[in-house]
Full PDB file with SEQRES, HELIX, SHEET, SSBOND, CRYST1, ORIGX, SCALE, CONECT and MASTER records, all heavy atoms in Angstrom:
SEQRES   1 A   36  SER HIS ILE ASP ILE PHE ILE ILE PRO ASP PHE VAL SER          
SEQRES   2 A   36  LEU THR THR THR ILE ALA GLN LEU LYS SER SER SER VAL          
SEQRES   3 A   36  ALA ILE TRP THR GLY ALA GLN ASP CYS HIS                      
HELIX    1 AA1 PHE A   11  SER A   13  5                                   3    
HELIX    2 AA2 LEU A   14  LEU A   21  1                                   8    
SHEET    1 AA1 2 ILE A   5  ILE A   7  0                                        
SHEET    2 AA1 2 ILE A  28  THR A  30  1                                        
CRYST1    1.000    1.000    1.000  90.00  90.00  90.00 P 1           1          
ORIGX1      1.000000  0.000000  0.000000        0.00000                         
ORIGX2      0.000000  1.000000  0.000000        0.00000                         
ORIGX3      0.000000  0.000000  1.000000        0.00000                         
SCALE1      1.000000  0.000000  0.000000        0.00000                         
SCALE2      0.000000  1.000000  0.000000        0.00000                         
SCALE3      0.000000  0.000000  1.000000        0.00000                         
ATOM      1  N   SER A   1     156.591 143.901  95.575  1.00  0.00           N  
ATOM      2  CA  SER A   1     157.256 143.778  94.273  1.00  0.00           C  
ATOM      3  C   SER A   1     156.688 144.703  93.201  1.00  0.00           C  
ATOM      4  O   SER A   1     157.318 144.897  92.161  1.00  0.00           O  
ATOM      5  CB  SER A   1     157.188 142.329  93.782  1.00  0.00           C  
ATOM      6  OG  SER A   1     155.830 141.920  93.626  1.00  0.00           O  
ATOM      7  N   HIS A   2     155.508 145.293  93.439  1.00  0.00           N  
ATOM      8  CA  HIS A   2     154.880 146.120  92.406  1.00  0.00           C  
ATOM      9  C   HIS A   2     154.795 147.590  92.805  1.00  0.00           C  
ATOM     10  O   HIS A   2     154.061 148.359  92.176  1.00  0.00           O  
ATOM     11  CB  HIS A   2     153.484 145.594  92.073  1.00  0.00           C  
ATOM     12  CG  HIS A   2     153.492 144.203  91.534  1.00  0.00           C  
ATOM     13  ND1 HIS A   2     154.087 143.881  90.328  1.00  0.00           N  
ATOM     14  CD2 HIS A   2     153.006 143.040  92.040  1.00  0.00           C  
ATOM     15  CE1 HIS A   2     153.947 142.585  90.115  1.00  0.00           C  
ATOM     16  NE2 HIS A   2     153.302 142.046  91.129  1.00  0.00           N  
ATOM     17  N   ILE A   3     155.502 147.988  93.847  1.00  0.00           N  
ATOM     18  CA  ILE A   3     155.499 149.389  94.248  1.00  0.00           C  
ATOM     19  C   ILE A   3     156.939 149.887  94.374  1.00  0.00           C  
ATOM     20  O   ILE A   3     157.882 149.097  94.476  1.00  0.00           O  
ATOM     21  CB  ILE A   3     154.751 149.620  95.582  1.00  0.00           C  
ATOM     22  CG1 ILE A   3     155.478 148.947  96.753  1.00  0.00           C  
ATOM     23  CG2 ILE A   3     153.308 149.145  95.494  1.00  0.00           C  
ATOM     24  CD1 ILE A   3     154.947 149.370  98.111  1.00  0.00           C  
ATOM     25  N   ASP A   4     157.099 151.195  94.334  1.00  0.00           N  
ATOM     26  CA  ASP A   4     158.399 151.827  94.540  1.00  0.00           C  
ATOM     27  C   ASP A   4     158.378 152.567  95.871  1.00  0.00           C  
ATOM     28  O   ASP A   4     157.422 153.287  96.178  1.00  0.00           O  
ATOM     29  CB  ASP A   4     158.709 152.816  93.407  1.00  0.00           C  
ATOM     30  CG  ASP A   4     158.874 152.115  92.069  1.00  0.00           C  
ATOM     31  OD1 ASP A   4     159.595 151.104  92.031  1.00  0.00           O  
ATOM     32  OD2 ASP A   4     158.280 152.570  91.075  1.00  0.00           O  
ATOM     33  N   ILE A   5     159.431 152.389  96.628  1.00  0.00           N  
ATOM     34  CA  ILE A   5     159.574 153.019  97.943  1.00  0.00           C  
ATOM     35  C   ILE A   5     160.764 153.954  97.877  1.00  0.00           C  
ATOM     36  O   ILE A   5     161.804 153.600  97.323  1.00  0.00           O  
ATOM     37  CB  ILE A   5     159.811 151.956  99.033  1.00  0.00           C  
ATOM     38  CG1 ILE A   5     158.691 150.918  99.036  1.00  0.00           C  
ATOM     39  CG2 ILE A   5     159.941 152.622 100.408  1.00  0.00           C  
ATOM     40  CD1 ILE A   5     159.024 149.680  99.847  1.00  0.00           C  
ATOM     41  N   PHE A   6     160.622 155.140  98.428  1.00  0.00           N  
ATOM     42  CA  PHE A   6     161.750 156.061  98.420  1.00  0.00           C  
ATOM     43  C   PHE A   6     161.885 156.781  99.761  1.00  0.00           C  
ATOM     44  O   PHE A   6     160.914 156.981 100.481  1.00  0.00           O  
ATOM     45  CB  PHE A   6     161.636 157.082  97.280  1.00  0.00           C  
ATOM     46  CG  PHE A   6     160.412 157.959  97.329  1.00  0.00           C  
ATOM     47  CD1 PHE A   6     160.402 159.136  98.057  1.00  0.00           C  
ATOM     48  CD2 PHE A   6     159.264 157.616  96.622  1.00  0.00           C  
ATOM     49  CE1 PHE A   6     159.282 159.956  98.092  1.00  0.00           C  
ATOM     50  CE2 PHE A   6     158.137 158.421  96.645  1.00  0.00           C  
ATOM     51  CZ  PHE A   6     158.143 159.595  97.389  1.00  0.00           C  
ATOM     52  N   ILE A   7     163.124 157.155 100.067  1.00  0.00           N  
ATOM     53  CA  ILE A   7     163.450 157.957 101.249  1.00  0.00           C  
ATOM     54  C   ILE A   7     164.258 159.156 100.774  1.00  0.00           C  
ATOM     55  O   ILE A   7     165.157 159.013  99.942  1.00  0.00           O  
ATOM     56  CB  ILE A   7     164.268 157.147 102.279  1.00  0.00           C  
ATOM     57  CG1 ILE A   7     163.454 155.968 102.808  1.00  0.00           C  
ATOM     58  CG2 ILE A   7     164.727 158.040 103.423  1.00  0.00           C  
ATOM     59  CD1 ILE A   7     164.226 155.089 103.768  1.00  0.00           C  
ATOM     60  N   ILE A   8     163.944 160.332 101.308  1.00  0.00           N  
ATOM     61  CA  ILE A   8     164.644 161.551 100.890  1.00  0.00           C  
ATOM     62  C   ILE A   8     165.269 162.219 102.119  1.00  0.00           C  
ATOM     63  O   ILE A   8     164.650 163.077 102.758  1.00  0.00           O  
ATOM     64  CB  ILE A   8     163.687 162.521 100.168  1.00  0.00           C  
ATOM     65  CG1 ILE A   8     162.939 161.800  99.043  1.00  0.00           C  
ATOM     66  CG2 ILE A   8     164.455 163.706  99.613  1.00  0.00           C  
ATOM     67  CD1 ILE A   8     162.018 162.686  98.232  1.00  0.00           C  
ATOM     68  N   PRO A   9     166.497 161.845 102.465  1.00  0.00           N  
ATOM     69  CA  PRO A   9     167.157 162.440 103.633  1.00  0.00           C  
ATOM     70  C   PRO A   9     167.833 163.763 103.270  1.00  0.00           C  
ATOM     71  O   PRO A   9     167.785 164.210 102.118  1.00  0.00           O  
ATOM     72  CB  PRO A   9     168.191 161.383 104.000  1.00  0.00           C  
ATOM     73  CG  PRO A   9     168.585 160.795 102.674  1.00  0.00           C  
ATOM     74  CD  PRO A   9     167.327 160.816 101.827  1.00  0.00           C  
ATOM     75  N   ASP A  10     168.465 164.379 104.260  1.00  0.00           N  
ATOM     76  CA  ASP A  10     169.227 165.596 103.980  1.00  0.00           C  
ATOM     77  C   ASP A  10     170.483 165.251 103.177  1.00  0.00           C  
ATOM     78  O   ASP A  10     170.885 164.085 103.082  1.00  0.00           O  
ATOM     79  CB  ASP A  10     169.613 166.297 105.292  1.00  0.00           C  
ATOM     80  CG  ASP A  10     170.612 165.479 106.082  1.00  0.00           C  
ATOM     81  OD1 ASP A  10     170.203 164.517 106.766  1.00  0.00           O  
ATOM     82  OD2 ASP A  10     171.815 165.768 105.984  1.00  0.00           O  
ATOM     83  N   PHE A  11     171.114 166.258 102.609  1.00  0.00           N  
ATOM     84  CA  PHE A  11     172.263 166.026 101.730  1.00  0.00           C  
ATOM     85  C   PHE A  11     173.415 165.314 102.444  1.00  0.00           C  
ATOM     86  O   PHE A  11     174.039 164.414 101.881  1.00  0.00           O  
ATOM     87  CB  PHE A  11     172.776 167.357 101.161  1.00  0.00           C  
ATOM     88  CG  PHE A  11     171.886 167.940 100.099  1.00  0.00           C  
ATOM     89  CD1 PHE A  11     171.344 169.208 100.246  1.00  0.00           C  
ATOM     90  CD2 PHE A  11     171.588 167.229  98.946  1.00  0.00           C  
ATOM     91  CE1 PHE A  11     170.531 169.750  99.270  1.00  0.00           C  
ATOM     92  CE2 PHE A  11     170.770 167.765  97.966  1.00  0.00           C  
ATOM     93  CZ  PHE A  11     170.237 169.035  98.130  1.00  0.00           C  
ATOM     94  N   VAL A  12     173.720 165.722 103.677  1.00  0.00           N  
ATOM     95  CA  VAL A  12     174.870 165.150 104.389  1.00  0.00           C  
ATOM     96  C   VAL A  12     174.671 163.658 104.634  1.00  0.00           C  
ATOM     97  O   VAL A  12     175.628 162.886 104.639  1.00  0.00           O  
ATOM     98  CB  VAL A  12     175.117 165.908 105.718  1.00  0.00           C  
ATOM     99  CG1 VAL A  12     176.266 165.280 106.491  1.00  0.00           C  
ATOM    100  CG2 VAL A  12     175.405 167.389 105.441  1.00  0.00           C  
ATOM    101  N   SER A  13     173.415 163.246 104.800  1.00  0.00           N  
ATOM    102  CA  SER A  13     173.104 161.847 105.107  1.00  0.00           C  
ATOM    103  C   SER A  13     172.942 160.969 103.869  1.00  0.00           C  
ATOM    104  O   SER A  13     172.770 159.752 104.000  1.00  0.00           O  
ATOM    105  CB  SER A  13     171.807 161.769 105.933  1.00  0.00           C  
ATOM    106  OG  SER A  13     171.887 162.570 107.093  1.00  0.00           O  
ATOM    107  N   LEU A  14     172.989 161.552 102.703  1.00  0.00           N  
ATOM    108  CA  LEU A  14     172.645 160.807 101.486  1.00  0.00           C  
ATOM    109  C   LEU A  14     173.494 159.557 101.276  1.00  0.00           C  
ATOM    110  O   LEU A  14     172.960 158.453 101.098  1.00  0.00           O  
ATOM    111  CB  LEU A  14     172.777 161.710 100.259  1.00  0.00           C  
ATOM    112  CG  LEU A  14     171.514 162.443  99.807  1.00  0.00           C  
ATOM    113  CD1 LEU A  14     171.839 163.424  98.691  1.00  0.00           C  
ATOM    114  CD2 LEU A  14     170.461 161.449  99.349  1.00  0.00           C  
ATOM    115  N   THR A  15     174.809 159.702 101.253  1.00  0.00           N  
ATOM    116  CA  THR A  15     175.651 158.552 100.921  1.00  0.00           C  
ATOM    117  C   THR A  15     175.568 157.471 101.995  1.00  0.00           C  
ATOM    118  O   THR A  15     175.611 156.278 101.686  1.00  0.00           O  
ATOM    119  CB  THR A  15     177.108 158.979 100.699  1.00  0.00           C  
ATOM    120  OG1 THR A  15     177.574 159.720 101.841  1.00  0.00           O  
ATOM    121  CG2 THR A  15     177.232 159.856  99.459  1.00  0.00           C  
ATOM    122  N   THR A  16     175.429 157.901 103.254  1.00  0.00           N  
ATOM    123  CA  THR A  16     175.271 156.921 104.336  1.00  0.00           C  
ATOM    124  C   THR A  16     173.971 156.143 104.156  1.00  0.00           C  
ATOM    125  O   THR A  16     173.939 154.915 104.292  1.00  0.00           O  
ATOM    126  CB  THR A  16     175.258 157.631 105.702  1.00  0.00           C  
ATOM    127  OG1 THR A  16     176.487 158.311 105.893  1.00  0.00           O  
ATOM    128  CG2 THR A  16     175.053 156.633 106.829  1.00  0.00           C  
ATOM    129  N   THR A  17     172.901 156.855 103.833  1.00  0.00           N  
ATOM    130  CA  THR A  17     171.605 156.212 103.653  1.00  0.00           C  
ATOM    131  C   THR A  17     171.631 155.251 102.466  1.00  0.00           C  
ATOM    132  O   THR A  17     171.107 154.131 102.544  1.00  0.00           O  
ATOM    133  CB  THR A  17     170.508 157.272 103.452  1.00  0.00           C  
ATOM    134  OG1 THR A  17     170.492 158.158 104.584  1.00  0.00           O  
ATOM    135  CG2 THR A  17     169.147 156.631 103.301  1.00  0.00           C  
ATOM    136  N   ILE A  18     172.231 155.678 101.368  1.00  0.00           N  
ATOM    137  CA  ILE A  18     172.342 154.819 100.190  1.00  0.00           C  
ATOM    138  C   ILE A  18     173.077 153.532 100.543  1.00  0.00           C  
ATOM    139  O   ILE A  18     172.666 152.429 100.141  1.00  0.00           O  
ATOM    140  CB  ILE A  18     173.054 155.570  99.048  1.00  0.00           C  
ATOM    141  CG1 ILE A  18     172.138 156.662  98.487  1.00  0.00           C  
ATOM    142  CG2 ILE A  18     173.473 154.610  97.932  1.00  0.00           C  
ATOM    143  CD1 ILE A  18     172.829 157.633  97.556  1.00  0.00           C  
ATOM    144  N   ALA A  19     174.159 153.641 101.304  1.00  0.00           N  
ATOM    145  CA  ALA A  19     174.929 152.458 101.707  1.00  0.00           C  
ATOM    146  C   ALA A  19     174.093 151.538 102.585  1.00  0.00           C  
ATOM    147  O   ALA A  19     174.121 150.308 102.429  1.00  0.00           O  
ATOM    148  CB  ALA A  19     176.195 152.888 102.429  1.00  0.00           C  
ATOM    149  N   GLN A  20     173.325 152.110 103.512  1.00  0.00           N  
ATOM    150  CA  GLN A  20     172.488 151.297 104.387  1.00  0.00           C  
ATOM    151  C   GLN A  20     171.402 150.562 103.604  1.00  0.00           C  
ATOM    152  O   GLN A  20     171.105 149.392 103.873  1.00  0.00           O  
ATOM    153  CB  GLN A  20     171.827 152.182 105.453  1.00  0.00           C  
ATOM    154  CG  GLN A  20     172.766 152.663 106.548  1.00  0.00           C  
ATOM    155  CD  GLN A  20     172.043 153.588 107.526  1.00  0.00           C  
ATOM    156  OE1 GLN A  20     171.938 154.780 107.290  1.00  0.00           O  
ATOM    157  NE2 GLN A  20     171.547 153.028 108.603  1.00  0.00           N  
ATOM    158  N   LEU A  21     170.806 151.245 102.641  1.00  0.00           N  
ATOM    159  CA  LEU A  21     169.686 150.666 101.912  1.00  0.00           C  
ATOM    160  C   LEU A  21     170.100 149.533 100.988  1.00  0.00           C  
ATOM    161  O   LEU A  21     169.263 148.748 100.543  1.00  0.00           O  
ATOM    162  CB  LEU A  21     168.963 151.755 101.111  1.00  0.00           C  
ATOM    163  CG  LEU A  21     168.240 152.823 101.944  1.00  0.00           C  
ATOM    164  CD1 LEU A  21     167.612 153.872 101.040  1.00  0.00           C  
ATOM    165  CD2 LEU A  21     167.177 152.197 102.845  1.00  0.00           C  
ATOM    166  N   LYS A  22     171.385 149.419 100.705  1.00  0.00           N  
ATOM    167  CA  LYS A  22     171.863 148.330  99.851  1.00  0.00           C  
ATOM    168  C   LYS A  22     171.655 146.966 100.498  1.00  0.00           C  
ATOM    169  O   LYS A  22     171.640 145.940  99.813  1.00  0.00           O  
ATOM    170  CB  LYS A  22     173.342 148.540  99.523  1.00  0.00           C  
ATOM    171  CG  LYS A  22     173.585 149.646  98.497  1.00  0.00           C  
ATOM    172  CD  LYS A  22     175.067 149.823  98.189  1.00  0.00           C  
ATOM    173  CE  LYS A  22     175.290 150.914  97.156  1.00  0.00           C  
ATOM    174  NZ  LYS A  22     176.726 151.158  96.883  1.00  0.00           N  
ATOM    175  N   SER A  23     171.481 146.952 101.815  1.00  0.00           N  
ATOM    176  CA  SER A  23     171.281 145.678 102.509  1.00  0.00           C  
ATOM    177  C   SER A  23     169.842 145.181 102.403  1.00  0.00           C  
ATOM    178  O   SER A  23     169.541 144.053 102.792  1.00  0.00           O  
ATOM    179  CB  SER A  23     171.641 145.825 103.989  1.00  0.00           C  
ATOM    180  OG  SER A  23     170.728 146.695 104.653  1.00  0.00           O  
ATOM    181  N   SER A  24     168.949 146.002 101.873  1.00  0.00           N  
ATOM    182  CA  SER A  24     167.535 145.631 101.783  1.00  0.00           C  
ATOM    183  C   SER A  24     167.317 144.599 100.683  1.00  0.00           C  
ATOM    184  O   SER A  24     167.918 144.669  99.605  1.00  0.00           O  
ATOM    185  CB  SER A  24     166.680 146.865 101.506  1.00  0.00           C  
ATOM    186  OG  SER A  24     165.343 146.506 101.245  1.00  0.00           O  
ATOM    187  N   SER A  25     166.440 143.661 100.932  1.00  0.00           N  
ATOM    188  CA  SER A  25     166.083 142.665  99.919  1.00  0.00           C  
ATOM    189  C   SER A  25     165.114 143.261  98.895  1.00  0.00           C  
ATOM    190  O   SER A  25     164.858 142.660  97.859  1.00  0.00           O  
ATOM    191  CB  SER A  25     165.452 141.442 100.582  1.00  0.00           C  
ATOM    192  OG  SER A  25     164.324 141.810 101.352  1.00  0.00           O  
ATOM    193  N   VAL A  26     164.578 144.431  99.205  1.00  0.00           N  
ATOM    194  CA  VAL A  26     163.687 145.154  98.304  1.00  0.00           C  
ATOM    195  C   VAL A  26     164.404 146.416  97.849  1.00  0.00           C  
ATOM    196  O   VAL A  26     165.031 147.107  98.647  1.00  0.00           O  
ATOM    197  CB  VAL A  26     162.374 145.552  99.020  1.00  0.00           C  
ATOM    198  CG1 VAL A  26     161.464 146.343  98.087  1.00  0.00           C  
ATOM    199  CG2 VAL A  26     161.662 144.331  99.553  1.00  0.00           C  
ATOM    200  N   ALA A  27     164.337 146.724  96.560  1.00  0.00           N  
ATOM    201  CA  ALA A  27     164.974 147.945  96.062  1.00  0.00           C  
ATOM    202  C   ALA A  27     164.275 149.171  96.641  1.00  0.00           C  
ATOM    203  O   ALA A  27     163.058 149.311  96.542  1.00  0.00           O  
ATOM    204  CB  ALA A  27     164.912 147.977  94.543  1.00  0.00           C  
ATOM    205  N   ILE A  28     165.053 150.033  97.276  1.00  0.00           N  
ATOM    206  CA  ILE A  28     164.519 151.270  97.845  1.00  0.00           C  
ATOM    207  C   ILE A  28     165.292 152.439  97.253  1.00  0.00           C  
ATOM    208  O   ILE A  28     166.520 152.475  97.311  1.00  0.00           O  
ATOM    209  CB  ILE A  28     164.638 151.276  99.386  1.00  0.00           C  
ATOM    210  CG1 ILE A  28     163.883 150.080  99.974  1.00  0.00           C  
ATOM    211  CG2 ILE A  28     164.086 152.591  99.955  1.00  0.00           C  
ATOM    212  CD1 ILE A  28     164.123 149.872 101.445  1.00  0.00           C  
ATOM    213  N   TRP A  29     164.564 153.373  96.674  1.00  0.00           N  
ATOM    214  CA  TRP A  29     165.202 154.532  96.067  1.00  0.00           C  
ATOM    215  C   TRP A  29     165.609 155.544  97.135  1.00  0.00           C  
ATOM    216  O   TRP A  29     164.909 155.727  98.128  1.00  0.00           O  
ATOM    217  CB  TRP A  29     164.243 155.228  95.111  1.00  0.00           C  
ATOM    218  CG  TRP A  29     163.779 154.407  93.964  1.00  0.00           C  
ATOM    219  CD1 TRP A  29     164.171 153.138  93.639  1.00  0.00           C  
ATOM    220  CD2 TRP A  29     162.811 154.794  92.977  1.00  0.00           C  
ATOM    221  NE1 TRP A  29     163.512 152.718  92.499  1.00  0.00           N  
ATOM    222  CE2 TRP A  29     162.679 153.707  92.075  1.00  0.00           C  
ATOM    223  CE3 TRP A  29     162.063 155.943  92.770  1.00  0.00           C  
ATOM    224  CZ2 TRP A  29     161.814 153.749  90.989  1.00  0.00           C  
ATOM    225  CZ3 TRP A  29     161.199 155.993  91.681  1.00  0.00           C  
ATOM    226  CH2 TRP A  29     161.084 154.910  90.805  1.00  0.00           C  
ATOM    227  N   THR A  30     166.721 156.191  96.894  1.00  0.00           N  
ATOM    228  CA  THR A  30     167.109 157.329  97.728  1.00  0.00           C  
ATOM    229  C   THR A  30     166.976 158.596  96.898  1.00  0.00           C  
ATOM    230  O   THR A  30     167.408 158.642  95.742  1.00  0.00           O  
ATOM    231  CB  THR A  30     168.557 157.202  98.229  1.00  0.00           C  
ATOM    232  OG1 THR A  30     168.726 155.925  98.841  1.00  0.00           O  
ATOM    233  CG2 THR A  30     168.870 158.291  99.250  1.00  0.00           C  
ATOM    234  N   GLY A  31     166.348 159.603  97.478  1.00  0.00           N  
ATOM    235  CA  GLY A  31     166.161 160.863  96.786  1.00  0.00           C  
ATOM    236  C   GLY A  31     166.878 161.996  97.493  1.00  0.00           C  
ATOM    237  O   GLY A  31     167.284 161.876  98.649  1.00  0.00           O  
ATOM    238  N   ALA A  32     167.043 163.101  96.782  1.00  0.00           N  
ATOM    239  CA  ALA A  32     167.597 164.326  97.351  1.00  0.00           C  
ATOM    240  C   ALA A  32     166.487 165.361  97.438  1.00  0.00           C  
ATOM    241  O   ALA A  32     165.526 165.331  96.664  1.00  0.00           O  
ATOM    242  CB  ALA A  32     168.746 164.847  96.489  1.00  0.00           C  
ATOM    243  N   GLN A  33     166.629 166.297  98.374  1.00  0.00           N  
ATOM    244  CA  GLN A  33     165.563 167.253  98.634  1.00  0.00           C  
ATOM    245  C   GLN A  33     165.586 168.451  97.689  1.00  0.00           C  
ATOM    246  O   GLN A  33     164.634 169.241  97.679  1.00  0.00           O  
ATOM    247  CB  GLN A  33     165.646 167.744 100.081  1.00  0.00           C  
ATOM    248  CG  GLN A  33     165.376 166.659 101.096  1.00  0.00           C  
ATOM    249  CD  GLN A  33     165.457 167.150 102.536  1.00  0.00           C  
ATOM    250  OE1 GLN A  33     165.479 168.353 102.792  1.00  0.00           O  
ATOM    251  NE2 GLN A  33     165.521 166.230 103.473  1.00  0.00           N  
ATOM    252  N   ASP A  34     166.644 168.594  96.908  1.00  0.00           N  
ATOM    253  CA  ASP A  34     166.759 169.737  96.009  1.00  0.00           C  
ATOM    254  C   ASP A  34     168.028 169.560  95.190  1.00  0.00           C  
ATOM    255  O   ASP A  34     168.813 168.624  95.441  1.00  0.00           O  
ATOM    256  CB  ASP A  34     166.830 171.045  96.823  1.00  0.00           C  
ATOM    257  CG  ASP A  34     166.703 172.295  95.962  1.00  0.00           C  
ATOM    258  OD1 ASP A  34     166.027 172.238  94.916  1.00  0.00           O  
ATOM    259  OD2 ASP A  34     167.292 173.330  96.331  1.00  0.00           O  
ATOM    260  N   CYS A  35     168.264 170.429  94.217  1.00  0.00           N  
ATOM    261  CA  CYS A  35     169.534 170.474  93.508  1.00  0.00           C  
ATOM    262  C   CYS A  35     169.613 171.797  92.762  1.00  0.00           C  
ATOM    263  O   CYS A  35     168.631 172.546  92.692  1.00  0.00           O  
ATOM    264  CB  CYS A  35     169.688 169.300  92.533  1.00  0.00           C  
ATOM    265  SG  CYS A  35     168.623 169.406  91.063  1.00  0.00           S  
ATOM    266  N   HIS A  36     170.767 172.085  92.183  1.00  0.00           N  
ATOM    267  CA  HIS A  36     170.907 173.253  91.336  1.00  0.00           C  
ATOM    268  C   HIS A  36     170.493 172.886  89.917  1.00  0.00           C  
ATOM    269  O   HIS A  36     170.353 171.708  89.588  1.00  0.00           O  
ATOM    270  CB  HIS A  36     172.357 173.760  91.360  1.00  0.00           C  
ATOM    271  CG  HIS A  36     172.507 175.163  90.863  1.00  0.00           C  
ATOM    272  ND1 HIS A  36     172.788 175.459  89.553  1.00  0.00           N  
ATOM    273  CD2 HIS A  36     172.394 176.355  91.499  1.00  0.00           C  
ATOM    274  CE1 HIS A  36     172.859 176.772  89.401  1.00  0.00           C  
ATOM    275  NE2 HIS A  36     172.613 177.344  90.563  1.00  0.00           N  
TER     276      HIS A  36                                                      
MASTER        0    0    0    2    2    0    0    6  275    1    0    3          
END                                                                             
């Protein structure tokens, strides 16, 4: 409850990963590997 967890997949996998992580009872951040 006092830490932040994040996963940074490739761009194509981002939305799929975000959808999967919504099932977690713990908030897990999804990150991107880069941007413009």
